[in-house]
Amino acid sequence: MSTSSSDPPIRLQGLSESVKQSFNLINRLAKITFQPGSAPIDQSDSNSVREELSSEIQARLNQHEEDLELLKLDIEDFSTGTISTPRRRNSERDRERARTAAQVARLSEDLK
């Protein structure tokens, strides 16, 4: 995930989408089958497909964990930032912080 955007909620949404894509790969790996006659006679080729997909998934999950840790730090800064604004603006910001915290918690659980 790119850290070019400084808005934590936007980065969190991007990370969430990336995690969903990784879960799709996990499901694909779990359901991978070769039709009779389509699999190579040499079983090492079919295993290499599984190993390659497994390696890709592992790399993605490791990157997601790193991105999530960095994002948690940025969200702390985002949440503790105080700017004197009208009460209505503060309540909007509080709702955004609560939504962001809930998304981070869900993502943390998903990555466990």
PDB file of N, CA and C in Angstrom:
ATOM      1  N   MET A   1       0.841  -1.173   0.000  1.00  0.00           N
ATOM      2  CA  MET A   1       0.000   0.000   0.000  1.00  0.00           C
ATOM      3  C   MET A   1       0.881   1.228   0.000  1.00  0.00           C
ATOM      4  N   SER A   2       0.551   2.210  -0.771  1.00  0.00           N
ATOM      5  CA  SER A   2       1.326   3.433  -0.861  1.00  0.00           C
ATOM      6  C   SER A   2       0.994   4.352   0.300  1.00  0.00           C
ATOM      7  N   THR A   3       2.011   5.043   0.798  1.00  0.00           N
ATOM      8  CA  THR A   3       1.789   5.974   1.884  1.00  0.00           C
ATOM      9  C   THR A   3       1.810   7.407   1.387  1.00  0.00           C
ATOM     10  N   SER A   4       1.542   7.615   0.098  1.00  0.00           N
ATOM     11  CA  SER A   4       1.590   8.954  -0.461  1.00  0.00           C
ATOM     12  C   SER A   4       0.432   9.810   0.034  1.00  0.00           C
ATOM     13  N   SER A   5      -0.681   9.221   0.333  1.00  0.00           N
ATOM     14  CA  SER A   5      -1.816   9.970   0.848  1.00  0.00           C
ATOM     15  C   SER A   5      -1.638  10.150   2.350  1.00  0.00           C
ATOM     16  N   SER A   6      -1.822  11.374   2.815  1.00  0.00           N
ATOM     17  CA  SER A   6      -1.615  11.624   4.230  1.00  0.00           C
ATOM     18  C   SER A   6      -2.897  11.480   5.041  1.00  0.00           C
ATOM     19  N   ASP A   7      -4.017  11.225   4.401  1.00  0.00           N
ATOM     20  CA  ASP A   7      -5.288  11.101   5.097  1.00  0.00           C
ATOM     21  C   ASP A   7      -5.476   9.660   5.569  1.00  0.00           C
ATOM     22  N   PRO A   8      -5.333   9.409   6.872  1.00  0.00           N
ATOM     23  CA  PRO A   8      -5.428   8.023   7.371  1.00  0.00           C
ATOM     24  C   PRO A   8      -6.708   7.286   6.982  1.00  0.00           C
ATOM     25  N   PRO A   9      -7.886   7.909   7.029  1.00  0.00           N
ATOM     26  CA  PRO A   9      -9.079   7.145   6.621  1.00  0.00           C
ATOM     27  C   PRO A   9      -9.027   6.666   5.172  1.00  0.00           C
ATOM     28  N   ILE A  10      -8.443   7.460   4.299  1.00  0.00           N
ATOM     29  CA  ILE A  10      -8.327   7.054   2.894  1.00  0.00           C
ATOM     30  C   ILE A  10      -7.322   5.908   2.770  1.00  0.00           C
ATOM     31  N   ARG A  11      -6.204   6.015   3.472  1.00  0.00           N
ATOM     32  CA  ARG A  11      -5.208   4.941   3.460  1.00  0.00           C
ATOM     33  C   ARG A  11      -5.783   3.671   4.067  1.00  0.00           C
ATOM     34  N   LEU A  12      -6.587   3.813   5.102  1.00  0.00           N
ATOM     35  CA  LEU A  12      -7.216   2.652   5.736  1.00  0.00           C
ATOM     36  C   LEU A  12      -8.149   1.950   4.760  1.00  0.00           C
ATOM     37  N   GLN A  13      -8.901   2.727   3.994  1.00  0.00           N
ATOM     38  CA  GLN A  13      -9.802   2.141   3.000  1.00  0.00           C
ATOM     39  C   GLN A  13      -9.005   1.380   1.942  1.00  0.00           C
ATOM     40  N   GLY A  14      -7.891   1.955   1.515  1.00  0.00           N
ATOM     41  CA  GLY A  14      -7.047   1.281   0.532  1.00  0.00           C
ATOM     42  C   GLY A  14      -6.474  -0.017   1.075  1.00  0.00           C
ATOM     43  N   LEU A  15      -6.050   0.002   2.327  1.00  0.00           N
ATOM     44  CA  LEU A  15      -5.519  -1.210   2.956  1.00  0.00           C
ATOM     45  C   LEU A  15      -6.617  -2.260   3.079  1.00  0.00           C
ATOM     46  N   SER A  16      -7.799  -1.829   3.434  1.00  0.00           N
ATOM     47  CA  SER A  16      -8.926  -2.754   3.560  1.00  0.00           C
ATOM     48  C   SER A  16      -9.216  -3.444   2.225  1.00  0.00           C
ATOM     49  N   GLU A  17      -9.195  -2.684   1.140  1.00  0.00           N
ATOM     50  CA  GLU A  17      -9.421  -3.266  -0.189  1.00  0.00           C
ATOM     51  C   GLU A  17      -8.312  -4.256  -0.547  1.00  0.00           C
ATOM     52  N   SER A  18      -7.087  -3.905  -0.203  1.00  0.00           N
ATOM     53  CA  SER A  18      -5.958  -4.791  -0.488  1.00  0.00           C
ATOM     54  C   SER A  18      -6.065  -6.099   0.300  1.00  0.00           C
ATOM     55  N   VAL A  19      -6.525  -6.014   1.538  1.00  0.00           N
ATOM     56  CA  VAL A  19      -6.711  -7.213   2.355  1.00  0.00           C
ATOM     57  C   VAL A  19      -7.803  -8.098   1.741  1.00  0.00           C
ATOM     58  N   LYS A  20      -8.864  -7.481   1.243  1.00  0.00           N
ATOM     59  CA  LYS A  20      -9.929  -8.257   0.590  1.00  0.00           C
ATOM     60  C   LYS A  20      -9.384  -9.017  -0.617  1.00  0.00           C
ATOM     61  N   GLN A  21      -8.516  -8.356  -1.392  1.00  0.00           N
ATOM     62  CA  GLN A  21      -7.913  -9.019  -2.540  1.00  0.00           C
ATOM     63  C   GLN A  21      -7.062 -10.209  -2.090  1.00  0.00           C
ATOM     64  N   SER A  22      -6.351 -10.032  -0.985  1.00  0.00           N
ATOM     65  CA  SER A  22      -5.530 -11.131  -0.458  1.00  0.00           C
ATOM     66  C   SER A  22      -6.409 -12.297  -0.011  1.00  0.00           C
ATOM     67  N   PHE A  23      -7.549 -11.995   0.611  1.00  0.00           N
ATOM     68  CA  PHE A  23      -8.462 -13.064   1.017  1.00  0.00           C
ATOM     69  C   PHE A  23      -9.001 -13.804  -0.201  1.00  0.00           C
ATOM     70  N   ASN A  24      -9.205 -13.081  -1.305  1.00  0.00           N
ATOM     71  CA  ASN A  24      -9.635 -13.751  -2.536  1.00  0.00           C
ATOM     72  C   ASN A  24      -8.562 -14.723  -3.021  1.00  0.00           C
ATOM     73  N   LEU A  25      -7.299 -14.330  -2.911  1.00  0.00           N
ATOM     74  CA  LEU A  25      -6.206 -15.236  -3.284  1.00  0.00           C
ATOM     75  C   LEU A  25      -6.172 -16.454  -2.366  1.00  0.00           C
ATOM     76  N   ILE A  26      -6.408 -16.235  -1.082  1.00  0.00           N
ATOM     77  CA  ILE A  26      -6.430 -17.351  -0.126  1.00  0.00           C
ATOM     78  C   ILE A  26      -7.538 -18.333  -0.500  1.00  0.00           C
ATOM     79  N   ASN A  27      -8.712 -17.792  -0.819  1.00  0.00           N
ATOM     80  CA  ASN A  27      -9.825 -18.661  -1.235  1.00  0.00           C
ATOM     81  C   ASN A  27      -9.484 -19.410  -2.517  1.00  0.00           C
ATOM     82  N   ARG A  28      -8.823 -18.737  -3.432  1.00  0.00           N
ATOM     83  CA  ARG A  28      -8.423 -19.382  -4.687  1.00  0.00           C
ATOM     84  C   ARG A  28      -7.441 -20.516  -4.418  1.00  0.00           C
ATOM     85  N   LEU A  29      -6.495 -20.273  -3.512  1.00  0.00           N
ATOM     86  CA  LEU A  29      -5.536 -21.315  -3.154  1.00  0.00           C
ATOM     87  C   LEU A  29      -6.244 -22.507  -2.512  1.00  0.00           C
ATOM     88  N   ALA A  30      -7.205 -22.228  -1.658  1.00  0.00           N
ATOM     89  CA  ALA A  30      -7.921 -23.301  -0.972  1.00  0.00           C
ATOM     90  C   ALA A  30      -8.733 -24.155  -1.947  1.00  0.00           C
ATOM     91  N   LYS A  31      -9.182 -23.539  -3.032  1.00  0.00           N
ATOM     92  CA  LYS A  31     -10.055 -24.248  -3.963  1.00  0.00           C
ATOM     93  C   LYS A  31      -9.341 -24.688  -5.238  1.00  0.00           C
ATOM     94  N   ILE A  32      -8.036 -24.475  -5.301  1.00  0.00           N
ATOM     95  CA  ILE A  32      -7.316 -24.791  -6.534  1.00  0.00           C
ATOM     96  C   ILE A  32      -7.376 -26.287  -6.811  1.00  0.00           C
ATOM     97  N   THR A  33      -7.841 -26.597  -7.989  1.00  0.00           N
ATOM     98  CA  THR A  33      -7.900 -27.996  -8.426  1.00  0.00           C
ATOM     99  C   THR A  33      -7.498 -28.050  -9.887  1.00  0.00           C
ATOM    100  N   PHE A  34      -7.038 -29.186 -10.282  1.00  0.00           N
ATOM    101  CA  PHE A  34      -6.686 -29.404 -11.676  1.00  0.00           C
ATOM    102  C   PHE A  34      -7.626 -30.475 -12.218  1.00  0.00           C
ATOM    103  N   GLN A  35      -8.213 -30.188 -13.359  1.00  0.00           N
ATOM    104  CA  GLN A  35      -9.103 -31.144 -13.995  1.00  0.00           C
ATOM    105  C   GLN A  35      -8.285 -32.356 -14.439  1.00  0.00           C
ATOM    106  N   PRO A  36      -8.892 -33.530 -14.392  1.00  0.00           N
ATOM    107  CA  PRO A  36      -8.168 -34.719 -14.864  1.00  0.00           C
ATOM    108  C   PRO A  36      -7.661 -34.492 -16.292  1.00  0.00           C
ATOM    109  N   GLY A  37      -6.401 -34.769 -16.475  1.00  0.00           N
ATOM    110  CA  GLY A  37      -5.795 -34.599 -17.789  1.00  0.00           C
ATOM    111  C   GLY A  37      -5.191 -33.222 -18.012  1.00  0.00           C
ATOM    112  N   SER A  38      -5.611 -32.227 -17.221  1.00  0.00           N
ATOM    113  CA  SER A  38      -5.059 -30.892 -17.407  1.00  0.00           C
ATOM    114  C   SER A  38      -3.827 -30.670 -16.548  1.00  0.00           C
ATOM    115  N   ALA A  39      -3.714 -31.439 -15.471  1.00  0.00           N
ATOM    116  CA  ALA A  39      -2.545 -31.308 -14.606  1.00  0.00           C
ATOM    117  C   ALA A  39      -1.371 -32.003 -15.264  1.00  0.00           C
ATOM    118  N   PRO A  40      -0.206 -31.417 -15.147  1.00  0.00           N
ATOM    119  CA  PRO A  40       0.967 -32.076 -15.733  1.00  0.00           C
ATOM    120  C   PRO A  40       1.237 -33.407 -15.042  1.00  0.00           C
ATOM    121  N   ILE A  41       1.822 -34.309 -15.771  1.00  0.00           N
ATOM    122  CA  ILE A  41       2.149 -35.608 -15.203  1.00  0.00           C
ATOM    123  C   ILE A  41       3.135 -35.434 -14.057  1.00  0.00           C
ATOM    124  N   ASP A  42       4.020 -34.491 -14.210  1.00  0.00           N
ATOM    125  CA  ASP A  42       4.991 -34.189 -13.160  1.00  0.00           C
ATOM    126  C   ASP A  42       4.287 -33.348 -12.092  1.00  0.00           C
ATOM    127  N   GLN A  43       4.001 -33.926 -10.946  1.00  0.00           N
ATOM    128  CA  GLN A  43       3.263 -33.243  -9.884  1.00  0.00           C
ATOM    129  C   GLN A  43       4.011 -32.030  -9.323  1.00  0.00           C
ATOM    130  N   SER A  44       5.296 -31.937  -9.549  1.00  0.00           N
ATOM    131  CA  SER A  44       6.049 -30.793  -9.032  1.00  0.00           C
ATOM    132  C   SER A  44       5.580 -29.500  -9.681  1.00  0.00           C
ATOM    133  N   ASP A  45       5.066 -29.560 -10.924  1.00  0.00           N
ATOM    134  CA  ASP A  45       4.547 -28.356 -11.570  1.00  0.00           C
ATOM    135  C   ASP A  45       3.281 -27.865 -10.885  1.00  0.00           C
ATOM    136  N   SER A  46       2.388 -28.787 -10.528  1.00  0.00           N
ATOM    137  CA  SER A  46       1.161 -28.358  -9.844  1.00  0.00           C
ATOM    138  C   SER A  46       1.486 -27.842  -8.446  1.00  0.00           C
ATOM    139  N   ASN A  47       2.478 -28.453  -7.806  1.00  0.00           N
ATOM    140  CA  ASN A  47       2.899 -27.960  -6.496  1.00  0.00           C
ATOM    141  C   ASN A  47       3.541 -26.592  -6.614  1.00  0.00           C
ATOM    142  N   SER A  48       4.261 -26.330  -7.696  1.00  0.00           N
ATOM    143  CA  SER A  48       4.904 -25.028  -7.853  1.00  0.00           C
ATOM    144  C   SER A  48       3.860 -23.922  -8.008  1.00  0.00           C
ATOM    145  N   VAL A  49       2.737 -24.230  -8.640  1.00  0.00           N
ATOM    146  CA  VAL A  49       1.650 -23.252  -8.747  1.00  0.00           C
ATOM    147  C   VAL A  49       1.143 -22.913  -7.351  1.00  0.00           C
ATOM    148  N   ARG A  50       0.931 -23.926  -6.547  1.00  0.00           N
ATOM    149  CA  ARG A  50       0.471 -23.706  -5.173  1.00  0.00           C
ATOM    150  C   ARG A  50       1.512 -22.948  -4.353  1.00  0.00           C
ATOM    151  N   GLU A  51       2.768 -23.340  -4.515  1.00  0.00           N
ATOM    152  CA  GLU A  51       3.846 -22.682  -3.758  1.00  0.00           C
ATOM    153  C   GLU A  51       3.989 -21.213  -4.158  1.00  0.00           C
ATOM    154  N   GLU A  52       3.870 -20.945  -5.449  1.00  0.00           N
ATOM    155  CA  GLU A  52       3.972 -19.564  -5.928  1.00  0.00           C
ATOM    156  C   GLU A  52       2.836 -18.719  -5.373  1.00  0.00           C
ATOM    157  N   LEU A  53       1.631 -19.246  -5.403  1.00  0.00           N
ATOM    158  CA  LEU A  53       0.479 -18.524  -4.873  1.00  0.00           C
ATOM    159  C   LEU A  53       0.609 -18.347  -3.361  1.00  0.00           C
ATOM    160  N   SER A  54       1.088 -19.370  -2.677  1.00  0.00           N
ATOM    161  CA  SER A  54       1.300 -19.278  -1.228  1.00  0.00           C
ATOM    162  C   SER A  54       2.326 -18.207  -0.889  1.00  0.00           C
ATOM    163  N   SER A  55       3.399 -18.152  -1.661  1.00  0.00           N
ATOM    164  CA  SER A  55       4.437 -17.142  -1.431  1.00  0.00           C
ATOM    165  C   SER A  55       3.894 -15.738  -1.648  1.00  0.00           C
ATOM    166  N   GLU A  56       3.102 -15.572  -2.693  1.00  0.00           N
ATOM    167  CA  GLU A  56       2.487 -14.271  -2.975  1.00  0.00           C
ATOM    168  C   GLU A  56       1.573 -13.850  -1.827  1.00  0.00           C
ATOM    169  N   ILE A  57       0.770 -14.768  -1.343  1.00  0.00           N
ATOM    170  CA  ILE A  57      -0.145 -14.476  -0.232  1.00  0.00           C
ATOM    171  C   ILE A  57       0.652 -14.100   1.010  1.00  0.00           C
ATOM    172  N   GLN A  58       1.687 -14.859   1.318  1.00  0.00           N
ATOM    173  CA  GLN A  58       2.501 -14.579   2.503  1.00  0.00           C
ATOM    174  C   GLN A  58       3.137 -13.194   2.414  1.00  0.00           C
ATOM    175  N   ALA A  59       3.676 -12.860   1.254  1.00  0.00           N
ATOM    176  CA  ALA A  59       4.293 -11.539   1.071  1.00  0.00           C
ATOM    177  C   ALA A  59       3.265 -10.427   1.254  1.00  0.00           C
ATOM    178  N   ARG A  60       2.077 -10.627   0.694  1.00  0.00           N
ATOM    179  CA  ARG A  60       1.016  -9.617   0.837  1.00  0.00           C
ATOM    180  C   ARG A  60       0.606  -9.454   2.302  1.00  0.00           C
ATOM    181  N   LEU A  61       0.421 -10.559   2.998  1.00  0.00           N
ATOM    182  CA  LEU A  61       0.003 -10.484   4.399  1.00  0.00           C
ATOM    183  C   LEU A  61       1.064  -9.795   5.253  1.00  0.00           C
ATOM    184  N   ASN A  62       2.323 -10.083   4.998  1.00  0.00           N
ATOM    185  CA  ASN A  62       3.396  -9.405   5.727  1.00  0.00           C
ATOM    186  C   ASN A  62       3.363  -7.905   5.460  1.00  0.00           C
ATOM    187  N   GLN A  63       3.144  -7.528   4.194  1.00  0.00           N
ATOM    188  CA  GLN A  63       3.077  -6.103   3.850  1.00  0.00           C
ATOM    189  C   GLN A  63       1.863  -5.457   4.511  1.00  0.00           C
ATOM    190  N   HIS A  64       0.740  -6.169   4.543  1.00  0.00           N
ATOM    191  CA  HIS A  64      -0.457  -5.622   5.184  1.00  0.00           C
ATOM    192  C   HIS A  64      -0.205  -5.354   6.666  1.00  0.00           C
ATOM    193  N   GLU A  65       0.478  -6.285   7.323  1.00  0.00           N
ATOM    194  CA  GLU A  65       0.765  -6.102   8.748  1.00  0.00           C
ATOM    195  C   GLU A  65       1.650  -4.880   8.971  1.00  0.00           C
ATOM    196  N   GLU A  66       2.661  -4.707   8.133  1.00  0.00           N
ATOM    197  CA  GLU A  66       3.533  -3.532   8.244  1.00  0.00           C
ATOM    198  C   GLU A  66       2.743  -2.250   8.005  1.00  0.00           C
ATOM    199  N   ASP A  67       1.929  -2.252   6.947  1.00  0.00           N
ATOM    200  CA  ASP A  67       1.123  -1.074   6.631  1.00  0.00           C
ATOM    201  C   ASP A  67       0.153  -0.741   7.756  1.00  0.00           C
ATOM    202  N   LEU A  68      -0.428  -1.784   8.349  1.00  0.00           N
ATOM    203  CA  LEU A  68      -1.379  -1.574   9.436  1.00  0.00           C
ATOM    204  C   LEU A  68      -0.693  -0.958  10.650  1.00  0.00           C
ATOM    205  N   GLU A  69       0.496  -1.420  10.973  1.00  0.00           N
ATOM    206  CA  GLU A  69       1.224  -0.852  12.114  1.00  0.00           C
ATOM    207  C   GLU A  69       1.541   0.624  11.886  1.00  0.00           C
ATOM    208  N   LEU A  70       2.005   0.951  10.687  1.00  0.00           N
ATOM    209  CA  LEU A  70       2.285   2.354  10.369  1.00  0.00           C
ATOM    210  C   LEU A  70       1.008   3.185  10.396  1.00  0.00           C
ATOM    211  N   LEU A  71      -0.048   2.614   9.882  1.00  0.00           N
ATOM    212  CA  LEU A  71      -1.325   3.316   9.853  1.00  0.00           C
ATOM    213  C   LEU A  71      -1.860   3.557  11.260  1.00  0.00           C
ATOM    214  N   LYS A  72      -1.678   2.593  12.152  1.00  0.00           N
ATOM    215  CA  LYS A  72      -2.111   2.768  13.541  1.00  0.00           C
ATOM    216  C   LYS A  72      -1.415   3.971  14.166  1.00  0.00           C
ATOM    217  N   LEU A  73      -0.116   4.116  13.899  1.00  0.00           N
ATOM    218  CA  LEU A  73       0.624   5.261  14.426  1.00  0.00           C
ATOM    219  C   LEU A  73       0.093   6.570  13.847  1.00  0.00           C
ATOM    220  N   ASP A  74      -0.157   6.577  12.554  1.00  0.00           N
ATOM    221  CA  ASP A  74      -0.688   7.779  11.922  1.00  0.00           C
ATOM    222  C   ASP A  74      -2.086   8.107  12.430  1.00  0.00           C
ATOM    223  N   ILE A  75      -2.872   7.077  12.697  1.00  0.00           N
ATOM    224  CA  ILE A  75      -4.235   7.310  13.192  1.00  0.00           C
ATOM    225  C   ILE A  75      -4.198   7.871  14.611  1.00  0.00           C
ATOM    226  N   GLU A  76      -3.234   7.417  15.405  1.00  0.00           N
ATOM    227  CA  GLU A  76      -3.073   8.005  16.745  1.00  0.00           C
ATOM    228  C   GLU A  76      -2.832   9.499  16.624  1.00  0.00           C
ATOM    229  N   ASP A  77      -1.917   9.875  15.730  1.00  0.00           N
ATOM    230  CA  ASP A  77      -1.637  11.293  15.517  1.00  0.00           C
ATOM    231  C   ASP A  77      -2.871  12.010  14.987  1.00  0.00           C
ATOM    232  N   PHE A  78      -3.567  11.382  14.071  1.00  0.00           N
ATOM    233  CA  PHE A  78      -4.780  11.948  13.478  1.00  0.00           C
ATOM    234  C   PHE A  78      -5.853  12.152  14.548  1.00  0.00           C
ATOM    235  N   SER A  79      -5.981  11.174  15.436  1.00  0.00           N
ATOM    236  CA  SER A  79      -7.017  11.223  16.470  1.00  0.00           C
ATOM    237  C   SER A  79      -6.687  12.205  17.578  1.00  0.00           C
ATOM    238  N   THR A  80      -5.412  12.370  17.888  1.00  0.00           N
ATOM    239  CA  THR A  80      -5.056  13.258  18.987  1.00  0.00           C
ATOM    240  C   THR A  80      -4.869  14.695  18.522  1.00  0.00           C
ATOM    241  N   GLY A  81      -4.855  14.917  17.232  1.00  0.00           N
ATOM    242  CA  GLY A  81      -4.719  16.285  16.730  1.00  0.00           C
ATOM    243  C   GLY A  81      -5.916  17.114  17.141  1.00  0.00           C
ATOM    244  N   THR A  82      -5.648  18.242  17.746  1.00  0.00           N
ATOM    245  CA  THR A  82      -6.744  19.104  18.200  1.00  0.00           C
ATOM    246  C   THR A  82      -6.650  20.452  17.518  1.00  0.00           C
ATOM    247  N   ILE A  83      -7.737  20.840  16.954  1.00  0.00           N
ATOM    248  CA  ILE A  83      -7.875  22.144  16.332  1.00  0.00           C
ATOM    249  C   ILE A  83      -9.154  22.738  16.879  1.00  0.00           C
ATOM    250  N   SER A  84      -9.083  23.987  17.316  1.00  0.00           N
ATOM    251  CA  SER A  84     -10.298  24.581  17.868  1.00  0.00           C
ATOM    252  C   SER A  84     -11.256  24.883  16.722  1.00  0.00           C
ATOM    253  N   THR A  85     -12.368  24.161  16.741  1.00  0.00           N
ATOM    254  CA  THR A  85     -13.389  24.309  15.714  1.00  0.00           C
ATOM    255  C   THR A  85     -14.738  24.339  16.403  1.00  0.00           C
ATOM    256  N   PRO A  86     -15.748  24.759  15.693  1.00  0.00           N
ATOM    257  CA  PRO A  86     -17.090  24.742  16.297  1.00  0.00           C
ATOM    258  C   PRO A  86     -17.480  23.343  16.748  1.00  0.00           C
ATOM    259  N   ARG A  87     -18.407  23.284  17.676  1.00  0.00           N
ATOM    260  CA  ARG A  87     -18.830  22.007  18.272  1.00  0.00           C
ATOM    261  C   ARG A  87     -19.286  20.998  17.217  1.00  0.00           C
ATOM    262  N   ARG A  88     -20.020  21.474  16.219  1.00  0.00           N
ATOM    263  CA  ARG A  88     -20.524  20.567  15.186  1.00  0.00           C
ATOM    264  C   ARG A  88     -19.361  19.902  14.447  1.00  0.00           C
ATOM    265  N   ARG A  89     -18.354  20.668  14.148  1.00  0.00           N
ATOM    266  CA  ARG A  89     -17.178  20.126  13.453  1.00  0.00           C
ATOM    267  C   ARG A  89     -16.488  19.084  14.321  1.00  0.00           C
ATOM    268  N   ASN A  90     -16.420  19.344  15.633  1.00  0.00           N
ATOM    269  CA  ASN A  90     -15.804  18.383  16.548  1.00  0.00           C
ATOM    270  C   ASN A  90     -16.577  17.077  16.569  1.00  0.00           C
ATOM    271  N   SER A  91     -17.908  17.135  16.566  1.00  0.00           N
ATOM    272  CA  SER A  91     -18.690  15.903  16.601  1.00  0.00           C
ATOM    273  C   SER A  91     -18.508  15.115  15.302  1.00  0.00           C
ATOM    274  N   GLU A  92     -18.370  15.804  14.171  1.00  0.00           N
ATOM    275  CA  GLU A  92     -18.102  15.122  12.910  1.00  0.00           C
ATOM    276  C   GLU A  92     -16.738  14.430  12.973  1.00  0.00           C
ATOM    277  N   ARG A  93     -15.773  15.135  13.515  1.00  0.00           N
ATOM    278  CA  ARG A  93     -14.427  14.575  13.636  1.00  0.00           C
ATOM    279  C   ARG A  93     -14.444  13.381  14.598  1.00  0.00           C
ATOM    280  N   ASP A  94     -15.204  13.486  15.687  1.00  0.00           N
ATOM    281  CA  ASP A  94     -15.311  12.373  16.642  1.00  0.00           C
ATOM    282  C   ASP A  94     -15.923  11.144  15.978  1.00  0.00           C
ATOM    283  N   ARG A  95     -16.949  11.351  15.150  1.00  0.00           N
ATOM    284  CA  ARG A  95     -17.567  10.222  14.433  1.00  0.00           C
ATOM    285  C   ARG A  95     -16.572   9.601  13.459  1.00  0.00           C
ATOM    286  N   GLU A  96     -15.807  10.436  12.772  1.00  0.00           N
ATOM    287  CA  GLU A  96     -14.797   9.932  11.840  1.00  0.00           C
ATOM    288  C   GLU A  96     -13.732   9.134  12.587  1.00  0.00           C
ATOM    289  N   ARG A  97     -13.319   9.623  13.733  1.00  0.00           N
ATOM    290  CA  ARG A  97     -12.330   8.910  14.544  1.00  0.00           C
ATOM    291  C   ARG A  97     -12.877   7.565  15.004  1.00  0.00           C
ATOM    292  N   ALA A  98     -14.135   7.542  15.417  1.00  0.00           N
ATOM    293  CA  ALA A  98     -14.747   6.293  15.871  1.00  0.00           C
ATOM    294  C   ALA A  98     -14.842   5.284  14.723  1.00  0.00           C
ATOM    295  N   ARG A  99     -15.249   5.754  13.541  1.00  0.00           N
ATOM    296  CA  ARG A  99     -15.328   4.866  12.372  1.00  0.00           C
ATOM    297  C   ARG A  99     -13.947   4.323  12.015  1.00  0.00           C
ATOM    298  N   THR A 100     -12.965   5.197  12.046  1.00  0.00           N
ATOM    299  CA  THR A 100     -11.603   4.801  11.714  1.00  0.00           C
ATOM    300  C   THR A 100     -11.086   3.782  12.717  1.00  0.00           C
ATOM    301  N   ALA A 101     -11.321   4.020  13.994  1.00  0.00           N
ATOM    302  CA  ALA A 101     -10.875   3.086  15.032  1.00  0.00           C
ATOM    303  C   ALA A 101     -11.551   1.724  14.856  1.00  0.00           C
ATOM    304  N   ALA A 102     -12.834   1.718  14.510  1.00  0.00           N
ATOM    305  CA  ALA A 102     -13.551   0.460  14.300  1.00  0.00           C
ATOM    306  C   ALA A 102     -12.987  -0.295  13.092  1.00  0.00           C
ATOM    307  N   GLN A 103     -12.674   0.432  12.024  1.00  0.00           N
ATOM    308  CA  GLN A 103     -12.102  -0.212  10.838  1.00  0.00           C
ATOM    309  C   GLN A 103     -10.732  -0.806  11.148  1.00  0.00           C
ATOM    310  N   VAL A 104      -9.929  -0.082  11.908  1.00  0.00           N
ATOM    311  CA  VAL A 104      -8.604  -0.580  12.274  1.00  0.00           C
ATOM    312  C   VAL A 104      -8.737  -1.852  13.098  1.00  0.00           C
ATOM    313  N   ALA A 105      -9.669  -1.867  14.032  1.00  0.00           N
ATOM    314  CA  ALA A 105      -9.886  -3.048  14.871  1.00  0.00           C
ATOM    315  C   ALA A 105     -10.305  -4.248  14.020  1.00  0.00           C
ATOM    316  N   ARG A 106     -11.222  -4.019  13.059  1.00  0.00           N
ATOM    317  CA  ARG A 106     -11.664  -5.117  12.182  1.00  0.00           C
ATOM    318  C   ARG A 106     -10.514  -5.636  11.335  1.00  0.00           C
ATOM    319  N   LEU A 107      -9.727  -4.726  10.785  1.00  0.00           N
ATOM    320  CA  LEU A 107      -8.591  -5.139   9.970  1.00  0.00           C
ATOM    321  C   LEU A 107      -7.581  -5.899  10.776  1.00  0.00           C
ATOM    322  N   SER A 108      -7.342  -5.472  11.994  1.00  0.00           N
ATOM    323  CA  SER A 108      -6.391  -6.171  12.878  1.00  0.00           C
ATOM    324  C   SER A 108      -6.859  -7.598  13.122  1.00  0.00           C
ATOM    325  N   GLU A 109      -8.143  -7.759  13.363  1.00  0.00           N
ATOM    326  CA  GLU A 109      -8.701  -9.100  13.585  1.00  0.00           C
ATOM    327  C   GLU A 109      -8.619  -9.938  12.315  1.00  0.00           C
ATOM    328  N   ASP A 110      -8.901  -9.327  11.171  1.00  0.00           N
ATOM    329  CA  ASP A 110      -8.852 -10.060   9.904  1.00  0.00           C
ATOM    330  C   ASP A 110      -7.448 -10.577   9.619  1.00  0.00           C
ATOM    331  N   LEU A 111      -6.437  -9.800   9.991  1.00  0.00           N
ATOM    332  CA  LEU A 111      -5.065 -10.191   9.696  1.00  0.00           C
ATOM    333  C   LEU A 111      -4.480 -11.181  10.694  1.00  0.00           C
ATOM    334  N   LYS A 112      -5.198 -11.471  11.747  1.00  0.00           N
ATOM    335  CA  LYS A 112      -4.690 -12.444  12.739  1.00  0.00           C
ATOM    336  C   LYS A 112      -4.818 -13.850  12.244  1.00  0.00           C
TER     337      LYS A 112
END
